[in-house]
Amino acid sequence: MIRLPSMSHLRFLGLMMIGAYLLINLILGLLSPLTAGWPVWATTLCAVPPMVVGMVHVVLPLARQRVAARAR
């Protein structure tokens, strides 16, 4: 049986999507002057490490905090 997600799960998903979008665009915007003319794979290679660190240490904790504070 398929179980529908609760509102807190949907809120968490939405916050993660918004946070990831903003973080990725910020990183790519900062890297674009330095990587102008580089192939896509090289730009991505430079963008992935800060993106992962930012997701794990910034976006995920903030999203969890927001959902937990809203559940109280």
C-alpha atoms as a PDB file:
ATOM      1  CA  MET A   1       0.000   0.000   0.000  1.00  0.00           C
ATOM      2  CA  ILE A   2       1.300   3.449  -0.938  1.00  0.00           C
ATOM      3  CA  ARG A   3       1.462   5.906   1.932  1.00  0.00           C
ATOM      4  CA  LEU A   4       1.071   9.600   1.191  1.00  0.00           C
ATOM      5  CA  PRO A   5       3.704  11.933   2.622  1.00  0.00           C
ATOM      6  CA  SER A   6       2.730  14.086   5.563  1.00  0.00           C
ATOM      7  CA  MET A   7       2.821  17.877   5.443  1.00  0.00           C
ATOM      8  CA  SER A   8       6.073  17.949   7.431  1.00  0.00           C
ATOM      9  CA  HIS A   9       7.733  15.714   4.841  1.00  0.00           C
ATOM     10  CA  LEU A  10       6.484  17.911   2.025  1.00  0.00           C
ATOM     11  CA  ARG A  11       7.662  21.035   3.858  1.00  0.00           C
ATOM     12  CA  PHE A  12      11.087  19.448   4.417  1.00  0.00           C
ATOM     13  CA  LEU A  13      11.281  18.473   0.740  1.00  0.00           C
ATOM     14  CA  GLY A  14      10.361  21.990  -0.340  1.00  0.00           C
ATOM     15  CA  LEU A  15      12.940  23.586   1.949  1.00  0.00           C
ATOM     16  CA  MET A  16      15.634  21.199   0.712  1.00  0.00           C
ATOM     17  CA  MET A  17      14.797  21.945  -2.917  1.00  0.00           C
ATOM     18  CA  ILE A  18      14.879  25.710  -2.375  1.00  0.00           C
ATOM     19  CA  GLY A  19      18.105  25.492  -0.349  1.00  0.00           C
ATOM     20  CA  ALA A  20      19.809  23.282  -2.930  1.00  0.00           C
ATOM     21  CA  TYR A  21      18.725  25.568  -5.784  1.00  0.00           C
ATOM     22  CA  LEU A  22      20.035  28.682  -4.041  1.00  0.00           C
ATOM     23  CA  LEU A  23      23.285  27.016  -2.981  1.00  0.00           C
ATOM     24  CA  ILE A  24      24.048  25.599  -6.432  1.00  0.00           C
ATOM     25  CA  ASN A  25      23.334  28.922  -8.143  1.00  0.00           C
ATOM     26  CA  LEU A  26      25.482  30.785  -5.617  1.00  0.00           C
ATOM     27  CA  ILE A  27      28.414  28.404  -6.137  1.00  0.00           C
ATOM     28  CA  LEU A  28      28.103  28.465  -9.930  1.00  0.00           C
ATOM     29  CA  GLY A  29      27.839  32.262  -9.877  1.00  0.00           C
ATOM     30  CA  LEU A  30      31.012  32.538  -7.823  1.00  0.00           C
ATOM     31  CA  LEU A  31      32.854  30.039 -10.022  1.00  0.00           C
ATOM     32  CA  SER A  32      31.739  31.390 -13.395  1.00  0.00           C
ATOM     33  CA  PRO A  33      34.381  34.151 -13.657  1.00  0.00           C
ATOM     34  CA  LEU A  34      37.103  31.683 -12.699  1.00  0.00           C
ATOM     35  CA  THR A  35      35.941  28.862 -14.971  1.00  0.00           C
ATOM     36  CA  ALA A  36      34.899  30.816 -18.071  1.00  0.00           C
ATOM     37  CA  GLY A  37      35.700  28.755 -21.135  1.00  0.00           C
ATOM     38  CA  TRP A  38      36.208  25.532 -19.187  1.00  0.00           C
ATOM     39  CA  PRO A  39      34.342  22.380 -20.225  1.00  0.00           C
ATOM     40  CA  VAL A  40      31.190  21.596 -18.250  1.00  0.00           C
ATOM     41  CA  TRP A  41      32.756  18.577 -16.552  1.00  0.00           C
ATOM     42  CA  ALA A  42      35.612  20.716 -15.172  1.00  0.00           C
ATOM     43  CA  THR A  43      33.256  23.387 -13.825  1.00  0.00           C
ATOM     44  CA  THR A  44      31.119  20.682 -12.241  1.00  0.00           C
ATOM     45  CA  LEU A  45      34.231  19.100 -10.730  1.00  0.00           C
ATOM     46  CA  CYS A  46      34.972  22.404  -8.970  1.00  0.00           C
ATOM     47  CA  ALA A  47      31.352  22.980  -7.903  1.00  0.00           C
ATOM     48  CA  VAL A  48      30.536  19.588  -6.365  1.00  0.00           C
ATOM     49  CA  PRO A  49      32.779  19.642  -3.243  1.00  0.00           C
ATOM     50  CA  PRO A  50      31.483  22.983  -1.884  1.00  0.00           C
ATOM     51  CA  MET A  51      27.941  21.988  -2.850  1.00  0.00           C
ATOM     52  CA  VAL A  52      28.124  18.753  -0.838  1.00  0.00           C
ATOM     53  CA  VAL A  53      29.649  20.509   2.169  1.00  0.00           C
ATOM     54  CA  GLY A  54      27.017  23.238   1.979  1.00  0.00           C
ATOM     55  CA  MET A  55      24.166  20.748   1.706  1.00  0.00           C
ATOM     56  CA  VAL A  56      25.401  18.617   4.613  1.00  0.00           C
ATOM     57  CA  HIS A  57      26.417  21.407   6.972  1.00  0.00           C
ATOM     58  CA  VAL A  58      24.071  24.286   6.058  1.00  0.00           C
ATOM     59  CA  VAL A  59      20.967  23.390   4.057  1.00  0.00           C
ATOM     60  CA  LEU A  60      20.083  20.080   5.722  1.00  0.00           C
ATOM     61  CA  PRO A  61      20.430  21.326   9.336  1.00  0.00           C
ATOM     62  CA  LEU A  62      18.473  24.511   8.555  1.00  0.00           C
ATOM     63  CA  ALA A  63      15.680  22.539   6.885  1.00  0.00           C
ATOM     64  CA  ARG A  64      15.508  20.101   9.800  1.00  0.00           C
ATOM     65  CA  GLN A  65      15.430  22.989  12.266  1.00  0.00           C
ATOM     66  CA  ARG A  66      12.612  24.736  10.412  1.00  0.00           C
ATOM     67  CA  VAL A  67      10.468  21.591  10.175  1.00  0.00           C
ATOM     68  CA  ALA A  68      11.093  20.695  13.838  1.00  0.00           C
ATOM     69  CA  ALA A  69      10.258  24.216  15.008  1.00  0.00           C
ATOM     70  CA  ARG A  70       7.065  24.187  12.987  1.00  0.00           C
ATOM     71  CA  ALA A  71       6.023  20.790  14.414  1.00  0.00           C
ATOM     72  CA  ARG A  72       6.088  22.076  18.010  1.00  0.00           C
END
